[in-house]
Amino acid sequence: MKVVVIGTFPAATKERIVGSFPADWTVFVGTAAEAEGQLRDADVVIPEHIRVDDAFLGRAPRLAMVQTGAGYDNVDIAACTYQAGACGPAASPAPAWMCTSRSRCRRTARCGICPTYC
């Protein structure tokens, strides 16, 4: 599992973010420019204040989920739902706008990421 957290964080915060994920996951934390090379094989993206739209998603072909924080005005929900099959705020286990059509999900196997499917 590869998670890409995009934002500007102090070094200590980056360490805490990485430490909050399972040890066998690959977690990258960096700015949008630094994250560009990490998107191609990302399974999950957690964006902070960057636009997530069709152009962004085109650079992340393996993406299974976009996880937002408290707000999601920077995220094109329709594009994410179509591309990733799931997109939701951190505080909600099953947001109302999560994709409910398995035919749209680009995952071919049970990935364990999206509770709607897996």
C-alpha atoms as a PDB file:
ATOM      1  CA  MET A   1       0.000   0.000   0.000  1.00  0.00           C
ATOM      2  CA  LYS A   2       1.357   3.402  -0.940  1.00  0.00           C
ATOM      3  CA  VAL A   3      -0.027   6.573   0.604  1.00  0.00           C
ATOM      4  CA  VAL A   4       0.927  10.038  -0.633  1.00  0.00           C
ATOM      5  CA  VAL A   5       0.194  12.925   1.732  1.00  0.00           C
ATOM      6  CA  ILE A   6       0.478  16.249  -0.068  1.00  0.00           C
ATOM      7  CA  GLY A   7       1.033  19.403   1.932  1.00  0.00           C
ATOM      8  CA  THR A   8       3.612  21.587   3.624  1.00  0.00           C
ATOM      9  CA  PHE A   9       4.535  20.174   7.027  1.00  0.00           C
ATOM     10  CA  PRO A  10       7.410  20.647   9.482  1.00  0.00           C
ATOM     11  CA  ALA A  11       9.829  17.697   9.712  1.00  0.00           C
ATOM     12  CA  ALA A  12       8.454  16.554  13.085  1.00  0.00           C
ATOM     13  CA  THR A  13       4.909  16.500  11.705  1.00  0.00           C
ATOM     14  CA  LYS A  14       6.052  14.489   8.682  1.00  0.00           C
ATOM     15  CA  GLU A  15       7.574  11.914  11.026  1.00  0.00           C
ATOM     16  CA  ARG A  16       4.336  11.683  13.042  1.00  0.00           C
ATOM     17  CA  ILE A  17       2.291  11.271   9.861  1.00  0.00           C
ATOM     18  CA  VAL A  18       4.503   8.470   8.559  1.00  0.00           C
ATOM     19  CA  GLY A  19       4.502   6.822  11.995  1.00  0.00           C
ATOM     20  CA  SER A  20       0.709   6.735  12.098  1.00  0.00           C
ATOM     21  CA  PHE A  21       0.499   4.229   9.225  1.00  0.00           C
ATOM     22  CA  PRO A  22       1.296   0.505   9.338  1.00  0.00           C
ATOM     23  CA  ALA A  23       5.045  -0.156   9.154  1.00  0.00           C
ATOM     24  CA  ASP A  24       4.766  -2.209   5.960  1.00  0.00           C
ATOM     25  CA  TRP A  25       3.086   0.633   4.023  1.00  0.00           C
ATOM     26  CA  THR A  26       5.040   3.089   1.895  1.00  0.00           C
ATOM     27  CA  VAL A  27       4.148   6.626   2.985  1.00  0.00           C
ATOM     28  CA  PHE A  28       5.402   9.766   1.266  1.00  0.00           C
ATOM     29  CA  VAL A  29       4.797  13.214   2.765  1.00  0.00           C
ATOM     30  CA  GLY A  30       5.736  16.310   0.791  1.00  0.00           C
ATOM     31  CA  THR A  31       4.669  19.321  -1.201  1.00  0.00           C
ATOM     32  CA  ALA A  32       2.722  19.066  -4.452  1.00  0.00           C
ATOM     33  CA  ALA A  33       5.930  19.533  -6.455  1.00  0.00           C
ATOM     34  CA  GLU A  34       7.772  16.894  -4.423  1.00  0.00           C
ATOM     35  CA  ALA A  35       4.859  14.469  -4.728  1.00  0.00           C
ATOM     36  CA  GLU A  36       4.673  14.535  -8.537  1.00  0.00           C
ATOM     37  CA  GLY A  37       7.024  11.594  -8.915  1.00  0.00           C
ATOM     38  CA  GLN A  38       5.155   9.628  -6.242  1.00  0.00           C
ATOM     39  CA  LEU A  39       1.676   9.735  -7.795  1.00  0.00           C
ATOM     40  CA  ARG A  40       2.126   7.099 -10.528  1.00  0.00           C
ATOM     41  CA  ASP A  41       2.006   4.195  -8.058  1.00  0.00           C
ATOM     42  CA  ALA A  42      -0.015   5.756  -5.231  1.00  0.00           C
ATOM     43  CA  ASP A  43      -2.964   3.795  -3.849  1.00  0.00           C
ATOM     44  CA  VAL A  44      -4.216   6.592  -1.581  1.00  0.00           C
ATOM     45  CA  VAL A  45      -3.739  10.357  -1.765  1.00  0.00           C
ATOM     46  CA  ILE A  46      -4.382  12.711   1.132  1.00  0.00           C
ATOM     47  CA  PRO A  47      -4.285  16.224  -0.366  1.00  0.00           C
ATOM     48  CA  GLU A  48      -3.950  19.427   1.636  1.00  0.00           C
ATOM     49  CA  HIS A  49      -5.147  22.528  -0.193  1.00  0.00           C
ATOM     50  CA  ILE A  50      -4.401  21.385  -3.738  1.00  0.00           C
ATOM     51  CA  ARG A  51      -6.881  20.856  -6.546  1.00  0.00           C
ATOM     52  CA  VAL A  52      -7.702  17.201  -7.183  1.00  0.00           C
ATOM     53  CA  ASP A  53      -9.357  16.974 -10.586  1.00  0.00           C
ATOM     54  CA  ASP A  54      -9.157  14.974 -13.814  1.00  0.00           C
ATOM     55  CA  ALA A  55      -5.692  16.348 -14.646  1.00  0.00           C
ATOM     56  CA  PHE A  56      -4.343  15.408 -11.203  1.00  0.00           C
ATOM     57  CA  LEU A  57      -6.000  11.987 -11.301  1.00  0.00           C
ATOM     58  CA  GLY A  58      -4.494  11.320 -14.726  1.00  0.00           C
ATOM     59  CA  ARG A  59      -1.077  11.381 -13.044  1.00  0.00           C
ATOM     60  CA  ALA A  60      -2.227   8.796 -10.467  1.00  0.00           C
ATOM     61  CA  PRO A  61      -3.523   5.818 -12.484  1.00  0.00           C
ATOM     62  CA  ARG A  62      -3.432   3.291  -9.604  1.00  0.00           C
ATOM     63  CA  LEU A  63      -5.290   5.528  -7.189  1.00  0.00           C
ATOM     64  CA  ALA A  64      -7.976   3.744  -5.190  1.00  0.00           C
ATOM     65  CA  MET A  65      -8.939   6.465  -2.722  1.00  0.00           C
ATOM     66  CA  VAL A  66      -8.690  10.177  -2.087  1.00  0.00           C
ATOM     67  CA  GLN A  67      -8.994  10.926   1.630  1.00  0.00           C
ATOM     68  CA  THR A  68      -9.820  14.487   2.591  1.00  0.00           C
ATOM     69  CA  GLY A  69      -9.728  16.269   5.916  1.00  0.00           C
ATOM     70  CA  ALA A  70     -12.503  18.487   7.216  1.00  0.00           C
ATOM     71  CA  GLY A  71     -13.258  20.093   3.849  1.00  0.00           C
ATOM     72  CA  TYR A  72     -13.318  18.898   0.294  1.00  0.00           C
ATOM     73  CA  ASP A  73     -13.915  22.018  -1.785  1.00  0.00           C
ATOM     74  CA  ASN A  74     -10.537  21.385  -3.482  1.00  0.00           C
ATOM     75  CA  VAL A  75     -11.649  17.946  -4.678  1.00  0.00           C
ATOM     76  CA  ASP A  76     -13.696  17.180  -7.789  1.00  0.00           C
ATOM     77  CA  ILE A  77     -15.937  14.534  -6.197  1.00  0.00           C
ATOM     78  CA  ALA A  78     -17.346  13.226  -9.483  1.00  0.00           C
ATOM     79  CA  ALA A  79     -13.886  12.783 -11.015  1.00  0.00           C
ATOM     80  CA  CYS A  80     -12.529  11.068  -7.895  1.00  0.00           C
ATOM     81  CA  THR A  81     -15.503   8.770  -7.576  1.00  0.00           C
ATOM     82  CA  TYR A  82     -15.142   7.710 -11.192  1.00  0.00           C
ATOM     83  CA  GLN A  83     -11.355   7.306 -11.067  1.00  0.00           C
ATOM     84  CA  ALA A  84     -10.787   5.935  -7.590  1.00  0.00           C
ATOM     85  CA  GLY A  85     -14.130   4.437  -6.663  1.00  0.00           C
ATOM     86  CA  ALA A  86     -14.009   6.195  -3.303  1.00  0.00           C
ATOM     87  CA  CYS A  87     -13.483   9.678  -1.993  1.00  0.00           C
ATOM     88  CA  GLY A  88     -14.366  10.834   1.457  1.00  0.00           C
ATOM     89  CA  PRO A  89     -13.644  13.012   4.461  1.00  0.00           C
ATOM     90  CA  ALA A  90     -11.573  11.550   7.285  1.00  0.00           C
ATOM     91  CA  ALA A  91     -14.392  11.962   9.801  1.00  0.00           C
ATOM     92  CA  SER A  92     -16.899   9.911   7.828  1.00  0.00           C
ATOM     93  CA  PRO A  93     -16.654   6.134   7.404  1.00  0.00           C
ATOM     94  CA  ALA A  94     -19.092   6.066   4.461  1.00  0.00           C
ATOM     95  CA  PRO A  95     -19.714   9.487   2.902  1.00  0.00           C
ATOM     96  CA  ALA A  96     -22.930   9.929   0.972  1.00  0.00           C
ATOM     97  CA  TRP A  97     -20.990  10.697  -2.205  1.00  0.00           C
ATOM     98  CA  MET A  98     -18.911   7.538  -2.174  1.00  0.00           C
ATOM     99  CA  CYS A  99     -19.226   5.630  -5.425  1.00  0.00           C
ATOM    100  CA  THR A 100     -21.794   2.858  -5.139  1.00  0.00           C
ATOM    101  CA  SER A 101     -21.279   1.355  -8.575  1.00  0.00           C
ATOM    102  CA  ARG A 102     -18.605  -1.351  -8.607  1.00  0.00           C
ATOM    103  CA  SER A 103     -18.507  -1.123 -12.395  1.00  0.00           C
ATOM    104  CA  ARG A 104     -16.833   2.272 -12.035  1.00  0.00           C
ATOM    105  CA  CYS A 105     -14.107   1.066  -9.689  1.00  0.00           C
ATOM    106  CA  ARG A 106     -10.820   0.545 -11.500  1.00  0.00           C
ATOM    107  CA  ARG A 107      -9.734  -2.099  -8.992  1.00  0.00           C
ATOM    108  CA  THR A 108     -10.106  -5.611 -10.360  1.00  0.00           C
ATOM    109  CA  ALA A 109      -9.638  -7.387  -7.037  1.00  0.00           C
ATOM    110  CA  ARG A 110     -10.683  -6.820  -3.466  1.00  0.00           C
ATOM    111  CA  CYS A 111      -8.257  -4.101  -2.455  1.00  0.00           C
ATOM    112  CA  GLY A 112      -9.449  -3.682   1.132  1.00  0.00           C
ATOM    113  CA  ILE A 113      -9.479   0.095   0.796  1.00  0.00           C
ATOM    114  CA  CYS A 114     -13.052   0.831  -0.086  1.00  0.00           C
ATOM    115  CA  PRO A 115     -15.543  -0.475   2.513  1.00  0.00           C
ATOM    116  CA  THR A 116     -18.360  -0.229  -0.012  1.00  0.00           C
ATOM    117  CA  TYR A 117     -16.797  -2.932  -2.171  1.00  0.00           C
ATOM    118  CA  CYS A 118     -14.447  -4.888   0.003  1.00  0.00           C
END
